[in-house]
């Protein structure tokens, strides 16, 4: 698969919480860092996401905010 997003992090799905329309997917990228994504329930089903799956998180955004 080719994709234009340059920010790619590999990790393991640690939680999938379905909602009415969207699901929250948590991905453990190591060293105590968790990335949380909101995707449609259909996308979770299409990807067959389950806890323990190895996945890649792709981050592409026009705005990146940093706080301290």
C-alpha atoms as a PDB file:
ATOM      1  CA  UNK A   1       0.000   0.000   0.000  1.00  0.00           C
ATOM      2  CA  UNK A   2       1.319   3.438  -0.906  1.00  0.00           C
ATOM      3  CA  UNK A   3       0.156   6.423   1.115  1.00  0.00           C
ATOM      4  CA  UNK A   4       1.164  10.089   1.138  1.00  0.00           C
ATOM      5  CA  UNK A   5       1.169  10.527   4.929  1.00  0.00           C
ATOM      6  CA  UNK A   6       4.765  10.736   6.153  1.00  0.00           C
ATOM      7  CA  UNK A   7       4.001  10.400   9.863  1.00  0.00           C
ATOM      8  CA  UNK A   8       3.592   6.664  10.434  1.00  0.00           C
ATOM      9  CA  UNK A   9       3.766   4.923  13.799  1.00  0.00           C
ATOM     10  CA  UNK A  10       3.473   1.173  14.341  1.00  0.00           C
ATOM     11  CA  UNK A  11       1.761  -0.235  17.393  1.00  0.00           C
ATOM     12  CA  UNK A  12      -0.726  -2.657  18.842  1.00  0.00           C
ATOM     13  CA  UNK A  13      -4.461  -2.113  19.269  1.00  0.00           C
ATOM     14  CA  UNK A  14      -5.078  -1.928  23.017  1.00  0.00           C
ATOM     15  CA  UNK A  15      -8.802  -1.073  22.979  1.00  0.00           C
ATOM     16  CA  UNK A  16     -11.731  -0.748  20.598  1.00  0.00           C
ATOM     17  CA  UNK A  17     -14.806   0.999  22.011  1.00  0.00           C
ATOM     18  CA  UNK A  18     -17.761   1.168  19.621  1.00  0.00           C
ATOM     19  CA  UNK A  19     -20.226   4.047  19.860  1.00  0.00           C
ATOM     20  CA  UNK A  20     -23.475   4.882  18.089  1.00  0.00           C
ATOM     21  CA  UNK A  21     -21.672   5.794  14.843  1.00  0.00           C
ATOM     22  CA  UNK A  22     -17.940   6.020  15.582  1.00  0.00           C
ATOM     23  CA  UNK A  23     -15.565   3.856  17.554  1.00  0.00           C
ATOM     24  CA  UNK A  24     -12.607   4.918  19.655  1.00  0.00           C
ATOM     25  CA  UNK A  25      -9.498   2.897  18.875  1.00  0.00           C
ATOM     26  CA  UNK A  26      -6.475   3.069  21.171  1.00  0.00           C
ATOM     27  CA  UNK A  27      -3.085   2.032  19.802  1.00  0.00           C
ATOM     28  CA  UNK A  28      -0.098   1.409  22.070  1.00  0.00           C
ATOM     29  CA  UNK A  29       2.988   2.705  20.261  1.00  0.00           C
ATOM     30  CA  UNK A  30       5.375   1.759  23.070  1.00  0.00           C
ATOM     31  CA  UNK A  31       7.072   3.399  26.033  1.00  0.00           C
ATOM     32  CA  UNK A  32       3.708   4.139  27.657  1.00  0.00           C
ATOM     33  CA  UNK A  33       2.446   6.151  24.653  1.00  0.00           C
ATOM     34  CA  UNK A  34      -1.098   5.624  23.392  1.00  0.00           C
ATOM     35  CA  UNK A  35      -2.556   7.125  20.202  1.00  0.00           C
ATOM     36  CA  UNK A  36      -6.358   7.460  20.205  1.00  0.00           C
ATOM     37  CA  UNK A  37      -8.324   7.619  16.969  1.00  0.00           C
ATOM     38  CA  UNK A  38     -12.021   8.047  16.253  1.00  0.00           C
ATOM     39  CA  UNK A  39     -13.103   6.060  13.188  1.00  0.00           C
ATOM     40  CA  UNK A  40     -16.464   4.799  11.992  1.00  0.00           C
ATOM     41  CA  UNK A  41     -17.818   1.512  13.282  1.00  0.00           C
ATOM     42  CA  UNK A  42     -17.935   0.395   9.629  1.00  0.00           C
ATOM     43  CA  UNK A  43     -14.180   1.047   9.314  1.00  0.00           C
ATOM     44  CA  UNK A  44     -13.520  -1.072  12.416  1.00  0.00           C
ATOM     45  CA  UNK A  45     -15.535  -3.890  10.864  1.00  0.00           C
ATOM     46  CA  UNK A  46     -13.957  -3.497   7.404  1.00  0.00           C
ATOM     47  CA  UNK A  47     -10.441  -3.579   8.907  1.00  0.00           C
ATOM     48  CA  UNK A  48     -11.365  -6.412  11.278  1.00  0.00           C
ATOM     49  CA  UNK A  49      -9.751  -4.521  14.172  1.00  0.00           C
ATOM     50  CA  UNK A  50      -9.427  -6.389  17.445  1.00  0.00           C
ATOM     51  CA  UNK A  51      -7.338  -5.938  20.566  1.00  0.00           C
ATOM     52  CA  UNK A  52      -3.822  -7.242  19.993  1.00  0.00           C
ATOM     53  CA  UNK A  53      -3.711  -6.483  16.257  1.00  0.00           C
ATOM     54  CA  UNK A  54      -0.493  -5.000  14.893  1.00  0.00           C
ATOM     55  CA  UNK A  55      -1.390  -1.788  13.038  1.00  0.00           C
ATOM     56  CA  UNK A  56       0.143   1.345  11.580  1.00  0.00           C
ATOM     57  CA  UNK A  57      -1.172   4.768  12.616  1.00  0.00           C
ATOM     58  CA  UNK A  58      -1.008   7.320   9.788  1.00  0.00           C
ATOM     59  CA  UNK A  59      -1.095  10.974  10.814  1.00  0.00           C
ATOM     60  CA  UNK A  60      -1.782  13.664   8.237  1.00  0.00           C
ATOM     61  CA  UNK A  61      -3.068  17.032   9.305  1.00  0.00           C
ATOM     62  CA  UNK A  62      -3.014  20.630   8.197  1.00  0.00           C
ATOM     63  CA  UNK A  63      -2.612  21.713  11.835  1.00  0.00           C
ATOM     64  CA  UNK A  64      -0.337  20.185  14.446  1.00  0.00           C
ATOM     65  CA  UNK A  65      -0.630  21.671  17.916  1.00  0.00           C
ATOM     66  CA  UNK A  66       1.918  21.339  20.687  1.00  0.00           C
ATOM     67  CA  UNK A  67       1.284  22.230  24.316  1.00  0.00           C
ATOM     68  CA  UNK A  68       3.444  22.312  27.376  1.00  0.00           C
END
